[in-house]
Amino acid sequence: MSATKLSGNFLKPFHSRIAPTPSGFLHIGNVFSFVITWLLVRKTQGSLLLRIDDLDYDRVRPEYIKDIFETLDWLGLDWDHGPQGVDDFNNHYSQIHRLDMYQALLTKLVKDPVVVYACDCSRTRIQELGSYTNICRYRHLPLDNNDSAWRMWVSDDTHVCWNELHQGTTHVECRSVTEQIGDFVVKRRNGQPAYQVASLADDLYFGSNCIVRGKDLLPSTTAQLWMAGLLAQTSFSGSVFYHHPVVMDVSGQKLSKSAGAMSVRSLRETSVQAGVVFRNLARSMGIPYEDIFTAQDLLQQFNFQLPQTLSPDLTL
């Protein structure tokens, strides 16, 4: 593994995004990710985009979109680009306004018939199998079948590498795409572009060069880097990534928006102050936390220290 320190000429401005999915009320793990992204952008004098990933129409609710803005206001985080409220989001920034761009990326991928194939397996069928076993690879189903998803054919020897940020240094990390995600979906059975396509297209369009996400989203990183390579999108491949620890609940399970675990909405309603988030992060970064109350307080002490673990303590 090679390493490069974040200093001198390497310390370029980070252009990143906060990209929540409005499929439930945000939990404290989500806001840790938001704050880490904000710190990296502000420390490098870059720019921050608010991008709300709302393509999964069946799970999106207006109250979840509203919760995103209320949470960012509670945290006192600012951003440079993107919607300033719910109406602005719906009218100008919803992903529905960028469907043509996602479709254009899909069209480029499908030019190679060996890379994309149709799959008519339902979720129930895949659950019965235990996992997707690439059973549609050789069935040669027509891509224009309205009841089929599109999957990427990922060869067994496919690997991707990227610059991983760690304690003020970037290391080259490599992963097998097959082991991480396998033959992943790029177009859903309802005809809509899948998350991996929309996320990559948006990062390319908005010029992101720093991607912050949880370690549980390593499969998304490998999938999107591989697609970027196929499309010769070197700007995305040259981005810096940071995969932060996943926040667990008291039972050792990953926090879930669908389960409402430790929702920030409930914290706000019980008058918990946002300073608890900043003190948690400060402690996890080895920063004295007793006098940290705001995002600006944390920013003043932040020197690219990054958390090794994230476990919320609401008593701080």
C-alpha atoms as a PDB file:
ATOM      1  CA  MET A   1       0.000   0.000   0.000  1.00  0.00           C
ATOM      2  CA  SER A   2       1.286   3.461  -0.845  1.00  0.00           C
ATOM      3  CA  ALA A   3       0.486   6.530   1.222  1.00  0.00           C
ATOM      4  CA  THR A   4       0.399  10.257   0.587  1.00  0.00           C
ATOM      5  CA  LYS A   5       0.184  12.852   3.349  1.00  0.00           C
ATOM      6  CA  LEU A   6      -2.522  15.478   3.171  1.00  0.00           C
ATOM      7  CA  SER A   7      -0.163  18.416   3.039  1.00  0.00           C
ATOM      8  CA  GLY A   8       1.388  20.849   0.623  1.00  0.00           C
ATOM      9  CA  ASN A   9       0.134  20.589  -2.941  1.00  0.00           C
ATOM     10  CA  PHE A  10      -1.927  17.519  -2.154  1.00  0.00           C
ATOM     11  CA  LEU A  11      -4.224  19.504   0.102  1.00  0.00           C
ATOM     12  CA  LYS A  12      -6.573  20.507  -2.675  1.00  0.00           C
ATOM     13  CA  PRO A  13     -10.091  21.749  -1.914  1.00  0.00           C
ATOM     14  CA  PHE A  14     -12.508  18.898  -1.332  1.00  0.00           C
ATOM     15  CA  HIS A  15     -15.784  19.138  -3.243  1.00  0.00           C
ATOM     16  CA  SER A  16     -18.174  16.760  -1.563  1.00  0.00           C
ATOM     17  CA  ARG A  17     -21.826  16.116  -0.845  1.00  0.00           C
ATOM     18  CA  ILE A  18     -24.238  15.297   1.912  1.00  0.00           C
ATOM     19  CA  ALA A  19     -26.514  12.773   0.232  1.00  0.00           C
ATOM     20  CA  PRO A  20     -29.254  11.383   2.491  1.00  0.00           C
ATOM     21  CA  THR A  21     -32.027   9.113   1.247  1.00  0.00           C
ATOM     22  CA  PRO A  22     -35.472  10.207   2.521  1.00  0.00           C
ATOM     23  CA  SER A  23     -36.634   6.684   3.377  1.00  0.00           C
ATOM     24  CA  GLY A  24     -37.039   7.315   7.107  1.00  0.00           C
ATOM     25  CA  PHE A  25     -36.194   9.786   9.845  1.00  0.00           C
ATOM     26  CA  LEU A  26     -32.445  10.393  10.102  1.00  0.00           C
ATOM     27  CA  HIS A  27     -30.557   8.771  12.974  1.00  0.00           C
ATOM     28  CA  ILE A  28     -27.421   9.848  14.791  1.00  0.00           C
ATOM     29  CA  GLY A  29     -25.213   7.734  12.527  1.00  0.00           C
ATOM     30  CA  ASN A  30     -26.408   9.786   9.555  1.00  0.00           C
ATOM     31  CA  VAL A  31     -25.489  13.059  11.219  1.00  0.00           C
ATOM     32  CA  PHE A  32     -22.008  11.789  12.146  1.00  0.00           C
ATOM     33  CA  SER A  33     -21.459  11.251   8.421  1.00  0.00           C
ATOM     34  CA  PHE A  34     -22.834  14.714   7.610  1.00  0.00           C
ATOM     35  CA  VAL A  35     -20.522  16.425  10.101  1.00  0.00           C
ATOM     36  CA  ILE A  36     -17.402  14.525   8.979  1.00  0.00           C
ATOM     37  CA  THR A  37     -18.129  15.532   5.376  1.00  0.00           C
ATOM     38  CA  TRP A  38     -18.679  19.158   6.401  1.00  0.00           C
ATOM     39  CA  LEU A  39     -15.398  19.206   8.379  1.00  0.00           C
ATOM     40  CA  LEU A  40     -13.343  17.869   5.461  1.00  0.00           C
ATOM     41  CA  VAL A  41     -14.857  20.367   3.028  1.00  0.00           C
ATOM     42  CA  ARG A  42     -14.554  23.393   5.285  1.00  0.00           C
ATOM     43  CA  LYS A  43     -11.009  22.489   6.392  1.00  0.00           C
ATOM     44  CA  THR A  44      -9.840  22.374   2.775  1.00  0.00           C
ATOM     45  CA  GLN A  45     -11.894  25.445   1.766  1.00  0.00           C
ATOM     46  CA  GLY A  46     -13.850  23.402  -0.733  1.00  0.00           C
ATOM     47  CA  SER A  47     -17.548  23.304  -1.537  1.00  0.00           C
ATOM     48  CA  LEU A  48     -20.442  21.257  -0.199  1.00  0.00           C
ATOM     49  CA  LEU A  49     -23.548  20.090  -2.039  1.00  0.00           C
ATOM     50  CA  LEU A  50     -26.795  18.983  -0.440  1.00  0.00           C
ATOM     51  CA  ARG A  51     -28.044  16.135  -2.613  1.00  0.00           C
ATOM     52  CA  ILE A  52     -31.160  14.246  -1.584  1.00  0.00           C
ATOM     53  CA  ASP A  53     -31.383  10.807  -3.216  1.00  0.00           C
ATOM     54  CA  ASP A  54     -35.113  10.347  -3.748  1.00  0.00           C
ATOM     55  CA  LEU A  55     -35.317   7.888  -6.660  1.00  0.00           C
ATOM     56  CA  ASP A  56     -36.849   5.154  -4.476  1.00  0.00           C
ATOM     57  CA  TYR A  57     -40.308   6.669  -4.799  1.00  0.00           C
ATOM     58  CA  ASP A  58     -42.080   3.914  -2.879  1.00  0.00           C
ATOM     59  CA  ARG A  59     -40.193   4.755   0.319  1.00  0.00           C
ATOM     60  CA  VAL A  60     -39.951   8.548   0.057  1.00  0.00           C
ATOM     61  CA  ARG A  61     -42.268  10.595   2.270  1.00  0.00           C
ATOM     62  CA  PRO A  62     -42.605  14.414   2.501  1.00  0.00           C
ATOM     63  CA  GLU A  63     -41.974  14.276   6.254  1.00  0.00           C
ATOM     64  CA  TYR A  64     -38.642  12.524   5.651  1.00  0.00           C
ATOM     65  CA  ILE A  65     -37.508  15.253   3.242  1.00  0.00           C
ATOM     66  CA  LYS A  66     -38.548  17.912   5.752  1.00  0.00           C
ATOM     67  CA  ASP A  67     -36.597  16.078   8.452  1.00  0.00           C
ATOM     68  CA  ILE A  68     -33.370  16.461   6.437  1.00  0.00           C
ATOM     69  CA  PHE A  69     -33.607  20.254   6.438  1.00  0.00           C
ATOM     70  CA  GLU A  70     -34.646  20.364  10.103  1.00  0.00           C
ATOM     71  CA  THR A  71     -31.712  18.139  11.043  1.00  0.00           C
ATOM     72  CA  LEU A  72     -29.164  20.263   9.179  1.00  0.00           C
ATOM     73  CA  ASP A  73     -30.611  23.362  10.807  1.00  0.00           C
ATOM     74  CA  TRP A  74     -30.356  21.676  14.246  1.00  0.00           C
ATOM     75  CA  LEU A  75     -26.707  20.868  13.551  1.00  0.00           C
ATOM     76  CA  GLY A  76     -25.968  24.356  12.263  1.00  0.00           C
ATOM     77  CA  LEU A  77     -24.352  23.002   9.085  1.00  0.00           C
ATOM     78  CA  ASP A  78     -24.265  25.111   5.933  1.00  0.00           C
ATOM     79  CA  TRP A  79     -23.835  24.057   2.324  1.00  0.00           C
ATOM     80  CA  ASP A  80     -22.847  25.868  -0.869  1.00  0.00           C
ATOM     81  CA  HIS A  81     -25.026  24.212  -3.517  1.00  0.00           C
ATOM     82  CA  GLY A  82     -28.377  22.488  -3.577  1.00  0.00           C
ATOM     83  CA  PRO A  83     -31.889  23.123  -2.301  1.00  0.00           C
ATOM     84  CA  GLN A  84     -32.610  25.613   0.466  1.00  0.00           C
ATOM     85  CA  GLY A  85     -35.912  24.056   1.482  1.00  0.00           C
ATOM     86  CA  VAL A  86     -38.519  21.424   0.643  1.00  0.00           C
ATOM     87  CA  ASP A  87     -40.223  23.394  -2.143  1.00  0.00           C
ATOM     88  CA  ASP A  88     -36.891  24.324  -3.730  1.00  0.00           C
ATOM     89  CA  PHE A  89     -35.893  20.667  -3.632  1.00  0.00           C
ATOM     90  CA  ASN A  90     -39.115  19.419  -5.207  1.00  0.00           C
ATOM     91  CA  ASN A  91     -39.112  22.099  -7.910  1.00  0.00           C
ATOM     92  CA  HIS A  92     -35.428  22.070  -8.890  1.00  0.00           C
ATOM     93  CA  TYR A  93     -33.241  19.446  -7.231  1.00  0.00           C
ATOM     94  CA  SER A  94     -35.186  16.184  -6.991  1.00  0.00           C
ATOM     95  CA  GLN A  95     -33.482  13.373  -8.881  1.00  0.00           C
ATOM     96  CA  ILE A  96     -36.555  13.150 -11.061  1.00  0.00           C
ATOM     97  CA  HIS A  97     -35.206  16.253 -12.838  1.00  0.00           C
ATOM     98  CA  ARG A  98     -32.042  14.343 -13.796  1.00  0.00           C
ATOM     99  CA  LEU A  99     -33.577  11.130 -15.147  1.00  0.00           C
ATOM    100  CA  ASP A 100     -32.371  11.896 -18.682  1.00  0.00           C
ATOM    101  CA  MET A 101     -28.801  12.122 -17.388  1.00  0.00           C
ATOM    102  CA  TYR A 102     -29.086   8.740 -15.649  1.00  0.00           C
ATOM    103  CA  GLN A 103     -30.573   7.212 -18.766  1.00  0.00           C
ATOM    104  CA  ALA A 104     -27.680   8.570 -20.857  1.00  0.00           C
ATOM    105  CA  LEU A 105     -25.216   6.800 -18.548  1.00  0.00           C
ATOM    106  CA  LEU A 106     -27.204   3.557 -18.854  1.00  0.00           C
ATOM    107  CA  THR A 107     -27.167   3.904 -22.638  1.00  0.00           C
ATOM    108  CA  LYS A 108     -23.372   4.137 -22.611  1.00  0.00           C
ATOM    109  CA  LEU A 109     -23.110   1.023 -20.446  1.00  0.00           C
ATOM    110  CA  VAL A 110     -25.452  -1.045 -22.600  1.00  0.00           C
ATOM    111  CA  LYS A 111     -23.395  -0.447 -25.744  1.00  0.00           C
ATOM    112  CA  ASP A 112     -21.319  -3.415 -24.641  1.00  0.00           C
ATOM    113  CA  PRO A 113     -23.728  -6.400 -24.607  1.00  0.00           C
ATOM    114  CA  VAL A 114     -21.260  -8.477 -22.585  1.00  0.00           C
ATOM    115  CA  VAL A 115     -21.351  -6.037 -19.673  1.00  0.00           C
ATOM    116  CA  VAL A 116     -25.114  -5.659 -19.129  1.00  0.00           C
ATOM    117  CA  TYR A 117     -27.714  -8.432 -19.103  1.00  0.00           C
ATOM    118  CA  ALA A 118     -31.404  -8.744 -18.274  1.00  0.00           C
ATOM    119  CA  CYS A 119     -32.614 -10.502 -15.130  1.00  0.00           C
ATOM    120  CA  ASP A 120     -36.244 -11.288 -14.264  1.00  0.00           C
ATOM    121  CA  CYS A 121     -35.587 -12.684 -10.783  1.00  0.00           C
ATOM    122  CA  SER A 122     -37.913 -11.239  -8.175  1.00  0.00           C
ATOM    123  CA  ARG A 123     -36.831 -10.304  -4.654  1.00  0.00           C
ATOM    124  CA  THR A 124     -38.758 -13.313  -3.400  1.00  0.00           C
ATOM    125  CA  ARG A 125     -36.828 -15.612  -5.752  1.00  0.00           C
ATOM    126  CA  ILE A 126     -33.489 -14.165  -4.655  1.00  0.00           C
ATOM    127  CA  GLN A 127     -34.476 -14.549  -0.994  1.00  0.00           C
ATOM    128  CA  GLU A 128     -35.318 -18.198  -1.664  1.00  0.00           C
ATOM    129  CA  LEU A 129     -31.831 -18.687  -3.157  1.00  0.00           C
ATOM    130  CA  GLY A 130     -30.202 -16.976  -0.167  1.00  0.00           C
ATOM    131  CA  SER A 131     -28.373 -14.550  -2.475  1.00  0.00           C
ATOM    132  CA  TYR A 132     -28.211 -13.731  -6.152  1.00  0.00           C
ATOM    133  CA  THR A 133     -26.218 -16.471  -7.882  1.00  0.00           C
ATOM    134  CA  ASN A 134     -25.854 -14.924 -11.367  1.00  0.00           C
ATOM    135  CA  ILE A 135     -28.451 -17.361 -12.684  1.00  0.00           C
ATOM    136  CA  CYS A 136     -29.567 -15.010 -15.481  1.00  0.00           C
ATOM    137  CA  ARG A 137     -26.101 -14.411 -16.938  1.00  0.00           C
ATOM    138  CA  TYR A 138     -26.490 -17.001 -19.698  1.00  0.00           C
ATOM    139  CA  ARG A 139     -30.238 -16.878 -20.280  1.00  0.00           C
ATOM    140  CA  HIS A 140     -29.872 -14.120 -22.897  1.00  0.00           C
ATOM    141  CA  LEU A 141     -33.134 -12.428 -21.963  1.00  0.00           C
ATOM    142  CA  PRO A 142     -33.978  -9.381 -24.099  1.00  0.00           C
ATOM    143  CA  LEU A 143     -33.025  -6.080 -22.520  1.00  0.00           C
ATOM    144  CA  ASP A 144     -36.320  -4.545 -23.628  1.00  0.00           C
ATOM    145  CA  ASN A 145     -38.353  -6.957 -21.488  1.00  0.00           C
ATOM    146  CA  ASN A 146     -40.502  -4.667 -19.336  1.00  0.00           C
ATOM    147  CA  ASP A 147     -40.416  -7.071 -16.391  1.00  0.00           C
ATOM    148  CA  SER A 148     -36.640  -7.413 -16.182  1.00  0.00           C
ATOM    149  CA  ALA A 149     -33.907  -5.588 -14.319  1.00  0.00           C
ATOM    150  CA  TRP A 150     -30.494  -4.899 -15.844  1.00  0.00           C
ATOM    151  CA  ARG A 151     -27.424  -6.268 -14.107  1.00  0.00           C
ATOM    152  CA  MET A 152     -23.719  -5.711 -14.681  1.00  0.00           C
ATOM    153  CA  TRP A 153     -21.707  -8.821 -15.533  1.00  0.00           C
ATOM    154  CA  VAL A 154     -18.783  -8.662 -13.110  1.00  0.00           C
ATOM    155  CA  SER A 155     -15.917 -11.012 -13.972  1.00  0.00           C
ATOM    156  CA  ASP A 156     -14.391 -12.989 -11.115  1.00  0.00           C
ATOM    157  CA  ASP A 157     -11.000 -11.288 -11.425  1.00  0.00           C
ATOM    158  CA  THR A 158     -12.374  -7.710 -11.373  1.00  0.00           C
ATOM    159  CA  HIS A 159     -10.705  -5.414  -8.817  1.00  0.00           C
ATOM    160  CA  VAL A 160     -10.792  -1.682  -8.229  1.00  0.00           C
ATOM    161  CA  CYS A 161      -8.432   0.577  -6.261  1.00  0.00           C
ATOM    162  CA  TRP A 162      -8.913   4.019  -4.767  1.00  0.00           C
ATOM    163  CA  ASN A 163      -7.380   6.633  -2.437  1.00  0.00           C
ATOM    164  CA  GLU A 164      -8.678   6.012   1.102  1.00  0.00           C
ATOM    165  CA  LEU A 165      -8.351   8.842   3.616  1.00  0.00           C
ATOM    166  CA  HIS A 166      -7.004   7.844   7.017  1.00  0.00           C
ATOM    167  CA  GLN A 167      -5.703  10.155   9.755  1.00  0.00           C
ATOM    168  CA  GLY A 168      -4.412  12.834   7.399  1.00  0.00           C
ATOM    169  CA  THR A 169      -2.968  10.348   4.923  1.00  0.00           C
ATOM    170  CA  THR A 170      -4.337   8.638   1.832  1.00  0.00           C
ATOM    171  CA  HIS A 171      -3.670   4.949   1.299  1.00  0.00           C
ATOM    172  CA  VAL A 172      -4.377   2.937  -1.810  1.00  0.00           C
ATOM    173  CA  GLU A 173      -7.150   0.441  -1.048  1.00  0.00           C
ATOM    174  CA  CYS A 174      -8.150  -2.340  -3.431  1.00  0.00           C
ATOM    175  CA  ARG A 175     -11.203  -4.626  -3.377  1.00  0.00           C
ATOM    176  CA  SER A 176     -12.688  -7.389  -5.480  1.00  0.00           C
ATOM    177  CA  VAL A 177     -15.903  -6.127  -7.072  1.00  0.00           C
ATOM    178  CA  THR A 178     -17.206  -9.704  -7.218  1.00  0.00           C
ATOM    179  CA  GLU A 179     -16.734 -10.277  -3.508  1.00  0.00           C
ATOM    180  CA  GLN A 180     -18.162  -6.896  -2.544  1.00  0.00           C
ATOM    181  CA  ILE A 181     -21.284  -6.726  -4.686  1.00  0.00           C
ATOM    182  CA  GLY A 182     -21.330  -9.295  -7.524  1.00  0.00           C
ATOM    183  CA  ASP A 183     -23.569  -8.764 -10.556  1.00  0.00           C
ATOM    184  CA  PHE A 184     -25.315  -5.633  -9.306  1.00  0.00           C
ATOM    185  CA  VAL A 185     -28.479  -3.977 -10.633  1.00  0.00           C
ATOM    186  CA  VAL A 186     -28.184  -0.826 -12.752  1.00  0.00           C
ATOM    187  CA  LYS A 187     -31.810  -0.611 -13.906  1.00  0.00           C
ATOM    188  CA  ARG A 188     -34.678  -1.731 -11.732  1.00  0.00           C
ATOM    189  CA  ARG A 189     -37.603  -3.843 -12.884  1.00  0.00           C
ATOM    190  CA  ASN A 190     -39.834  -0.765 -12.820  1.00  0.00           C
ATOM    191  CA  GLY A 191     -37.610   0.799 -15.492  1.00  0.00           C
ATOM    192  CA  GLN A 192     -35.974   3.345 -13.187  1.00  0.00           C
ATOM    193  CA  PRO A 193     -32.172   3.712 -12.916  1.00  0.00           C
ATOM    194  CA  ALA A 194     -30.787   1.989  -9.822  1.00  0.00           C
ATOM    195  CA  TYR A 195     -28.973   3.774  -6.995  1.00  0.00           C
ATOM    196  CA  GLN A 196     -25.478   2.923  -8.274  1.00  0.00           C
ATOM    197  CA  VAL A 197     -26.124   4.621 -11.620  1.00  0.00           C
ATOM    198  CA  ALA A 198     -27.817   7.710 -10.197  1.00  0.00           C
ATOM    199  CA  SER A 199     -25.161   8.202  -7.513  1.00  0.00           C
ATOM    200  CA  LEU A 200     -22.277   7.913  -9.977  1.00  0.00           C
ATOM    201  CA  ALA A 201     -23.974  10.172 -12.524  1.00  0.00           C
ATOM    202  CA  ASP A 202     -24.616  12.813  -9.869  1.00  0.00           C
ATOM    203  CA  ASP A 203     -21.063  12.707  -8.525  1.00  0.00           C
ATOM    204  CA  LEU A 204     -19.741  13.150 -12.054  1.00  0.00           C
ATOM    205  CA  TYR A 205     -22.184  15.951 -12.846  1.00  0.00           C
ATOM    206  CA  PHE A 206     -21.599  17.901  -9.636  1.00  0.00           C
ATOM    207  CA  GLY A 207     -17.828  17.349  -9.652  1.00  0.00           C
ATOM    208  CA  SER A 208     -17.386  15.503  -6.349  1.00  0.00           C
ATOM    209  CA  ASN A 209     -13.763  14.653  -5.566  1.00  0.00           C
ATOM    210  CA  CYS A 210     -14.241  13.521  -1.957  1.00  0.00           C
ATOM    211  CA  ILE A 211     -16.775  10.816  -1.092  1.00  0.00           C
ATOM    212  CA  VAL A 212     -17.648  10.180   2.565  1.00  0.00           C
ATOM    213  CA  ARG A 213     -19.774   7.134   3.372  1.00  0.00           C
ATOM    214  CA  GLY A 214     -20.021   4.326   5.915  1.00  0.00           C
ATOM    215  CA  LYS A 215     -17.997   1.131   5.665  1.00  0.00           C
ATOM    216  CA  ASP A 216     -21.265  -0.679   4.975  1.00  0.00           C
ATOM    217  CA  LEU A 217     -21.304   1.107   1.600  1.00  0.00           C
ATOM    218  CA  LEU A 218     -17.985  -0.329   0.401  1.00  0.00           C
ATOM    219  CA  PRO A 219     -19.980  -2.385  -2.161  1.00  0.00           C
ATOM    220  CA  SER A 220     -21.304   0.862  -3.636  1.00  0.00           C
ATOM    221  CA  THR A 221     -17.791   2.275  -3.866  1.00  0.00           C
ATOM    222  CA  THR A 222     -16.510  -0.759  -5.751  1.00  0.00           C
ATOM    223  CA  ALA A 223     -19.523  -0.837  -8.085  1.00  0.00           C
ATOM    224  CA  GLN A 224     -19.330   2.857  -8.928  1.00  0.00           C
ATOM    225  CA  LEU A 225     -15.563   2.864  -9.415  1.00  0.00           C
ATOM    226  CA  TRP A 226     -15.830  -0.091 -11.761  1.00  0.00           C
ATOM    227  CA  MET A 227     -18.534   1.614 -13.827  1.00  0.00           C
ATOM    228  CA  ALA A 228     -16.476   4.814 -13.898  1.00  0.00           C
ATOM    229  CA  GLY A 229     -13.568   2.794 -15.262  1.00  0.00           C
ATOM    230  CA  LEU A 230     -15.741   1.283 -17.990  1.00  0.00           C
ATOM    231  CA  LEU A 231     -16.898   4.769 -18.924  1.00  0.00           C
ATOM    232  CA  ALA A 232     -13.346   6.212 -18.798  1.00  0.00           C
ATOM    233  CA  GLN A 233     -14.404   8.700 -16.115  1.00  0.00           C
ATOM    234  CA  THR A 234     -10.997   9.295 -14.554  1.00  0.00           C
ATOM    235  CA  SER A 235     -12.167  12.263 -12.458  1.00  0.00           C
ATOM    236  CA  PHE A 236     -14.255   9.980 -10.252  1.00  0.00           C
ATOM    237  CA  SER A 237     -11.563   7.311 -10.092  1.00  0.00           C
ATOM    238  CA  GLY A 238      -9.144   9.939  -8.791  1.00  0.00           C
ATOM    239  CA  SER A 239     -11.412  11.001  -5.926  1.00  0.00           C
ATOM    240  CA  VAL A 240     -10.507  10.630  -2.256  1.00  0.00           C
ATOM    241  CA  PHE A 241     -12.797   8.304  -0.286  1.00  0.00           C
ATOM    242  CA  TYR A 242     -13.401   7.994   3.425  1.00  0.00           C
ATOM    243  CA  HIS A 243     -15.378   5.018   4.747  1.00  0.00           C
ATOM    244  CA  HIS A 244     -16.189   5.807   8.339  1.00  0.00           C
ATOM    245  CA  PRO A 245     -17.077   3.257  11.033  1.00  0.00           C
ATOM    246  CA  VAL A 246     -20.708   2.184  11.184  1.00  0.00           C
ATOM    247  CA  VAL A 247     -22.657   3.253  14.260  1.00  0.00           C
ATOM    248  CA  MET A 248     -24.194   0.377  16.219  1.00  0.00           C
ATOM    249  CA  ASP A 249     -27.053   0.341  18.699  1.00  0.00           C
ATOM    250  CA  VAL A 250     -26.824  -1.151  22.200  1.00  0.00           C
ATOM    251  CA  SER A 251     -27.530  -4.631  20.834  1.00  0.00           C
ATOM    252  CA  GLY A 252     -24.666  -4.400  18.340  1.00  0.00           C
ATOM    253  CA  GLN A 253     -26.917  -3.916  15.300  1.00  0.00           C
ATOM    254  CA  LYS A 254     -26.404  -1.217  12.672  1.00  0.00           C
ATOM    255  CA  LEU A 255     -28.719   1.742  13.170  1.00  0.00           C
ATOM    256  CA  SER A 256     -31.658   1.698  10.789  1.00  0.00           C
ATOM    257  CA  LYS A 257     -33.786   4.565   9.576  1.00  0.00           C
ATOM    258  CA  SER A 258     -36.648   2.170   8.869  1.00  0.00           C
ATOM    259  CA  ALA A 259     -36.619   1.087  12.516  1.00  0.00           C
ATOM    260  CA  GLY A 260     -36.413   4.685  13.734  1.00  0.00           C
ATOM    261  CA  ALA A 261     -33.392   3.870  15.885  1.00  0.00           C
ATOM    262  CA  MET A 262     -32.070   6.904  17.736  1.00  0.00           C
ATOM    263  CA  SER A 263     -33.831   9.239  15.338  1.00  0.00           C
ATOM    264  CA  VAL A 264     -32.585  12.813  15.398  1.00  0.00           C
ATOM    265  CA  ARG A 265     -36.204  13.920  15.289  1.00  0.00           C
ATOM    266  CA  SER A 266     -36.820  12.365  18.710  1.00  0.00           C
ATOM    267  CA  LEU A 267     -33.622  13.975  20.040  1.00  0.00           C
ATOM    268  CA  ARG A 268     -34.787  17.382  18.871  1.00  0.00           C
ATOM    269  CA  GLU A 269     -38.223  16.857  20.387  1.00  0.00           C
ATOM    270  CA  THR A 270     -36.688  15.986  23.762  1.00  0.00           C
ATOM    271  CA  SER A 271     -34.519  19.139  23.629  1.00  0.00           C
ATOM    272  CA  VAL A 272     -31.209  17.312  23.218  1.00  0.00           C
ATOM    273  CA  GLN A 273     -28.644  19.840  21.968  1.00  0.00           C
ATOM    274  CA  ALA A 274     -26.614  19.227  18.818  1.00  0.00           C
ATOM    275  CA  GLY A 275     -23.436  19.668  20.848  1.00  0.00           C
ATOM    276  CA  VAL A 276     -23.733  16.021  21.882  1.00  0.00           C
ATOM    277  CA  VAL A 277     -22.966  15.041  18.267  1.00  0.00           C
ATOM    278  CA  PHE A 278     -19.898  17.280  18.077  1.00  0.00           C
ATOM    279  CA  ARG A 279     -18.560  16.105  21.462  1.00  0.00           C
ATOM    280  CA  ASN A 280     -19.019  12.471  20.430  1.00  0.00           C
ATOM    281  CA  LEU A 281     -17.045  13.075  17.258  1.00  0.00           C
ATOM    282  CA  ALA A 282     -14.370  15.084  19.072  1.00  0.00           C
ATOM    283  CA  ARG A 283     -13.841  12.258  21.555  1.00  0.00           C
ATOM    284  CA  SER A 284     -13.671   9.657  18.775  1.00  0.00           C
ATOM    285  CA  MET A 285     -11.037  11.802  17.022  1.00  0.00           C
ATOM    286  CA  GLY A 286      -8.888  12.201  20.126  1.00  0.00           C
ATOM    287  CA  ILE A 287      -9.806  15.879  20.524  1.00  0.00           C
ATOM    288  CA  PRO A 288     -10.548  17.306  24.009  1.00  0.00           C
ATOM    289  CA  TYR A 289     -14.326  17.525  23.888  1.00  0.00           C
ATOM    290  CA  GLU A 290     -15.498  19.262  27.054  1.00  0.00           C
ATOM    291  CA  ASP A 291     -15.631  22.724  25.442  1.00  0.00           C
ATOM    292  CA  ILE A 292     -17.056  21.614  22.084  1.00  0.00           C
ATOM    293  CA  PHE A 293     -20.617  22.838  21.597  1.00  0.00           C
ATOM    294  CA  THR A 294     -20.952  23.768  17.902  1.00  0.00           C
ATOM    295  CA  ALA A 295     -19.731  22.658  14.501  1.00  0.00           C
ATOM    296  CA  GLN A 296     -17.425  25.671  14.405  1.00  0.00           C
ATOM    297  CA  ASP A 297     -15.900  24.672  17.771  1.00  0.00           C
ATOM    298  CA  LEU A 298     -15.097  21.243  16.334  1.00  0.00           C
ATOM    299  CA  LEU A 299     -13.782  22.691  13.061  1.00  0.00           C
ATOM    300  CA  GLN A 300     -11.265  24.851  14.931  1.00  0.00           C
ATOM    301  CA  GLN A 301      -9.771  21.720  16.549  1.00  0.00           C
ATOM    302  CA  PHE A 302     -10.068  19.401  13.545  1.00  0.00           C
ATOM    303  CA  ASN A 303      -6.770  18.432  11.906  1.00  0.00           C
ATOM    304  CA  PHE A 304      -7.821  15.469   9.763  1.00  0.00           C
ATOM    305  CA  GLN A 305      -8.052  13.182  12.769  1.00  0.00           C
ATOM    306  CA  LEU A 306     -10.698  10.623  11.870  1.00  0.00           C
ATOM    307  CA  PRO A 307     -12.722   8.350  14.148  1.00  0.00           C
ATOM    308  CA  GLN A 308     -11.676   4.750  14.681  1.00  0.00           C
ATOM    309  CA  THR A 309     -15.077   3.889  16.133  1.00  0.00           C
ATOM    310  CA  LEU A 310     -18.401   5.680  16.393  1.00  0.00           C
ATOM    311  CA  SER A 311     -20.651   4.912  19.325  1.00  0.00           C
ATOM    312  CA  PRO A 312     -23.108   7.612  20.389  1.00  0.00           C
ATOM    313  CA  ASP A 313     -23.167   8.678  24.026  1.00  0.00           C
ATOM    314  CA  LEU A 314     -26.011  11.090  24.655  1.00  0.00           C
ATOM    315  CA  THR A 315     -24.686  11.951  28.132  1.00  0.00           C
ATOM    316  CA  LEU A 316     -21.697  13.927  26.820  1.00  0.00           C
END
